[in-house]
Protein backbone atom coordinates (compact mmCIF):
# COMPACT_ATOMS: atom_id res chain seq x y z
CA MET A 1 -23.35 -37.02 4.46
CA ASN A 2 -22.02 -34.06 2.85
CA THR A 3 -20.93 -35.61 -0.43
CA LEU A 4 -20.13 -31.89 -2.18
CA TYR A 5 -16.26 -31.07 -3.10
CA PRO A 6 -15.28 -27.41 -2.49
CA ILE A 7 -13.43 -25.46 -4.70
CA PHE A 8 -12.45 -22.09 -5.77
CA LEU A 9 -12.71 -20.68 -8.99
CA LYS A 10 -11.13 -17.88 -10.50
CA THR A 11 -14.40 -15.95 -11.46
CA GLU A 12 -12.52 -13.67 -13.72
CA GLN A 13 -12.14 -16.07 -16.23
CA LEU A 14 -15.53 -17.53 -16.49
CA ASN A 15 -18.64 -15.91 -17.79
CA PHE A 16 -21.73 -15.86 -15.18
CA LEU A 17 -25.67 -15.42 -16.44
CA ILE A 18 -28.37 -14.66 -13.87
CA ILE A 19 -31.38 -15.59 -15.44
CA GLY A 20 -34.09 -13.15 -13.01
CA GLY A 21 -33.57 -9.49 -11.58
CA GLY A 22 -35.40 -9.84 -8.56
CA ASN A 23 -34.50 -9.63 -4.89
CA VAL A 24 -32.84 -13.55 -5.01
CA ALA A 25 -31.00 -12.09 -7.94
CA TYR A 26 -29.32 -9.32 -6.15
CA GLU A 27 -28.78 -11.23 -3.21
CA LYS A 28 -26.45 -14.09 -5.48
CA LEU A 29 -24.81 -11.35 -7.36
CA PHE A 30 -23.89 -9.13 -4.27
CA PHE A 31 -22.12 -12.02 -3.02
CA ILE A 32 -20.52 -13.23 -5.90
CA LEU A 33 -19.33 -9.77 -6.58
CA LYS A 34 -18.26 -9.41 -3.01
CA SER A 35 -15.93 -12.25 -2.95
CA SER A 36 -15.12 -12.00 -7.04
CA PRO A 37 -15.54 -8.30 -7.76
CA GLN A 38 -14.06 -9.61 -11.45
CA THR A 39 -16.76 -11.18 -11.86
CA LYS A 40 -18.68 -11.25 -15.43
CA ALA A 41 -22.13 -11.54 -15.91
CA THR A 42 -25.32 -10.78 -17.33
CA VAL A 43 -28.20 -10.33 -15.70
CA VAL A 44 -31.46 -11.40 -18.19
CA ALA A 45 -34.93 -10.35 -16.53
CA PRO A 46 -38.05 -8.74 -17.66
CA MET A 47 -37.93 -6.36 -14.44
CA ILE A 48 -34.60 -5.95 -12.61
CA ARG A 49 -34.80 -4.54 -9.72
CA GLU A 50 -32.82 -0.65 -8.58
CA GLU A 51 -30.52 -2.86 -6.49
CA VAL A 52 -29.35 -4.81 -9.18
CA ARG A 53 -28.72 -2.03 -11.71
CA ALA A 54 -27.04 -0.23 -8.58
CA LEU A 55 -24.48 -3.07 -8.61
CA ALA A 56 -24.45 -3.30 -12.45
CA GLU A 57 -23.03 0.22 -12.25
CA ASN A 58 -20.37 -0.46 -10.46
CA TYR A 59 -18.94 -4.10 -11.68
CA ALA A 60 -18.64 -6.13 -15.02
CA VAL A 61 -22.73 -6.27 -15.43
CA GLU A 62 -24.68 -6.38 -18.06
CA LEU A 63 -28.56 -6.06 -17.57
CA VAL A 64 -30.32 -7.38 -20.28
CA GLU A 65 -34.49 -6.78 -19.97
CA ASP A 66 -35.56 -9.76 -21.89
CA THR A 67 -37.18 -13.05 -21.15
CA TYR A 68 -35.21 -15.89 -21.06
CA ALA A 69 -34.05 -17.66 -23.78
CA PRO A 70 -31.48 -20.51 -24.40
CA ALA A 71 -29.68 -18.41 -26.73
CA TYR A 72 -28.71 -16.50 -23.33
CA LEU A 73 -26.62 -19.40 -22.81
CA GLU A 74 -23.64 -19.28 -25.38
CA GLY A 75 -20.10 -18.52 -23.88
CA ARG A 76 -21.84 -18.88 -20.66
CA HIS A 77 -20.02 -20.94 -18.19
CA ILE A 78 -21.88 -20.91 -14.79
CA VAL A 79 -25.56 -20.35 -15.20
CA ILE A 80 -27.95 -19.55 -12.05
CA ALA A 81 -31.39 -19.23 -12.19
CA THR A 82 -33.63 -17.12 -9.59
CA THR A 83 -36.96 -16.50 -11.27
CA ASP A 84 -40.36 -16.62 -9.19
CA SER A 85 -41.47 -19.42 -11.85
CA PRO A 86 -40.68 -22.73 -11.43
CA ALA A 87 -40.94 -23.67 -14.67
CA VAL A 88 -38.34 -21.24 -15.85
CA ASN A 89 -35.98 -22.05 -13.55
CA ARG A 90 -36.44 -25.79 -14.30
CA GLN A 91 -36.31 -24.96 -18.37
CA VAL A 92 -33.05 -22.88 -17.80
CA TYR A 93 -31.42 -25.72 -15.53
CA GLU A 94 -32.60 -28.66 -18.91
CA ASP A 95 -30.85 -26.31 -21.39
CA ALA A 96 -27.97 -25.42 -19.22
CA ARG A 97 -27.36 -29.19 -18.56
CA ALA A 98 -27.99 -30.28 -22.14
CA ARG A 99 -24.88 -27.68 -22.86
CA GLN A 100 -22.83 -29.35 -19.85
CA LEU A 101 -22.99 -26.04 -18.18
CA LEU A 102 -22.58 -25.79 -14.78
CA VAL A 103 -25.78 -24.43 -13.04
CA ASN A 104 -27.76 -23.34 -9.91
CA VAL A 105 -31.18 -22.90 -9.60
CA ALA A 106 -31.82 -20.97 -6.14
CA ASP A 107 -33.89 -22.79 -3.69
CA THR A 108 -34.21 -26.16 -5.50
CA PRO A 109 -31.51 -28.67 -4.82
CA ASP A 110 -32.50 -31.28 -7.12
CA LEU A 111 -31.87 -28.75 -9.81
CA CYS A 112 -27.97 -27.42 -9.08
CA ASP A 113 -24.54 -28.50 -9.86
CA LEU A 114 -23.38 -26.20 -7.09
CA TYR A 115 -24.55 -24.06 -4.06
CA LEU A 116 -23.06 -20.64 -3.64
CA GLY A 117 -21.94 -21.19 0.16
CA GLY A 118 -21.04 -18.72 2.75
CA ILE A 119 -17.79 -17.28 2.70
CA VAL A 120 -15.97 -15.81 4.94
CA MET A 121 -12.90 -13.46 4.05
CA LYS A 122 -9.98 -11.92 5.47
CA GLY A 123 -7.55 -10.86 3.24
CA ASN A 124 -6.12 -13.86 1.33
CA LEU A 125 -7.83 -16.11 4.06
CA LYS A 126 -11.15 -17.09 2.36
CA ILE A 127 -13.27 -20.07 4.02
CA ALA A 128 -16.57 -21.21 2.07
CA ILE A 129 -18.96 -22.99 4.52
CA SER A 130 -21.97 -25.35 2.76
CA THR A 131 -24.64 -27.17 4.57
CA ASN A 132 -25.41 -29.52 1.71
CA GLY A 133 -28.25 -26.90 0.64
CA LYS A 134 -29.90 -28.11 3.51
CA SER A 135 -29.97 -24.74 5.74
CA PRO A 136 -28.54 -21.14 4.10
CA THR A 137 -29.49 -20.02 7.46
CA VAL A 138 -27.04 -22.33 9.19
CA ALA A 139 -24.11 -21.46 6.87
CA LYS A 140 -24.60 -17.54 6.82
CA ARG A 141 -25.09 -17.53 11.03
CA LEU A 142 -21.46 -19.70 10.99
CA ARG A 143 -20.12 -17.31 7.95
CA GLN A 144 -21.22 -14.11 11.13
CA LEU A 145 -19.50 -16.39 13.78
CA PHE A 146 -16.54 -16.95 11.70
CA GLU A 147 -16.12 -13.28 10.52
CA ARG A 148 -16.43 -12.27 14.50
CA ILE A 149 -13.56 -13.80 15.87
CA LEU A 150 -11.11 -14.54 12.91
CA PRO A 151 -8.54 -11.63 13.56
CA GLU A 152 -8.36 -8.61 11.04
CA ASP A 153 -4.62 -9.09 10.76
CA MET A 154 -5.20 -12.52 9.36
CA ASP A 155 -3.82 -11.21 6.09
CA GLU A 156 -0.45 -9.87 8.11
CA LEU A 157 0.17 -13.95 9.10
CA LEU A 158 -0.37 -15.32 6.21
CA GLN A 159 1.88 -12.57 4.20
CA ASN A 160 4.62 -13.36 6.64
CA LEU A 161 4.08 -16.84 6.50
CA HIS A 162 4.43 -16.84 2.49
CA ARG A 163 7.72 -14.85 3.06
CA TYR A 164 9.08 -17.18 5.11
CA ARG A 165 8.54 -20.28 3.40
CA SER A 166 10.18 -18.70 0.43
CA THR A 167 13.32 -18.12 2.46
CA LEU A 168 13.29 -21.83 3.12
CA LYS A 169 16.17 -23.76 1.37
CA LEU A 170 14.26 -27.56 1.59
CA SER A 171 12.54 -30.24 -0.22
CA PHE A 172 8.96 -30.01 -0.64
CA GLU A 173 8.14 -32.30 2.49
CA GLN A 174 10.64 -30.91 4.20
CA LYS A 175 9.19 -27.57 3.76
CA VAL A 176 5.11 -29.05 5.17
CA ASP A 177 6.92 -30.65 7.54
CA ARG A 178 8.43 -26.55 8.83
CA MET A 179 5.19 -25.18 7.78
CA ASN A 180 2.92 -27.28 10.08
CA ALA A 181 5.25 -27.79 13.08
CA LEU A 182 5.58 -23.81 12.95
CA THR A 183 1.29 -23.48 12.58
CA GLN A 184 0.66 -25.56 14.82
CA GLU A 185 0.41 -23.40 17.36
CA LEU A 186 -2.67 -21.74 15.41
CA ILE A 187 -5.04 -24.44 17.00
CA LYS A 188 -3.09 -25.41 19.98
CA ASN A 189 -5.54 -25.70 23.34
CA ASP A 190 -5.19 -23.34 25.98
CA ASP A 191 -6.71 -26.00 28.53
């Protein structure tokens, strides 16, 4: 059973630290920034790939060419370890947990407080997909499916519903009932 609780973070109010500068660091950073371009992040690694450098040029990403040290955890909220050294990744995890920071160690579910799941975005609609760390590939395929089947004009629908909702002069429960009735057509089965 997947007991994870999905939340949506205002990442522009948080400070991310990524330990590692290779392909996995690039992938994590790319998808965070794709979903939340205002995210502030620091990448610490002795060697940083050109793809990571290119991302840093266009976003609020600081690059530090250095090996991991616990001092880099200061002022952070979320830590992601992506090195190819299990010992370094474990140390990052232990140091972050000792400071009560949320941590994700790539491809090591036992050393994660959170997973960076698949995300589908259509304007203001955002859907997060999790397989509880069991199969990132399935999450990726489901993300691709939803991106394909959800209409591009989904944001227009959301904006129209928002405007309509703001015109209703009803109690909260009555608004919920009215909006539920109106949006029931979205899931109506055409059998």
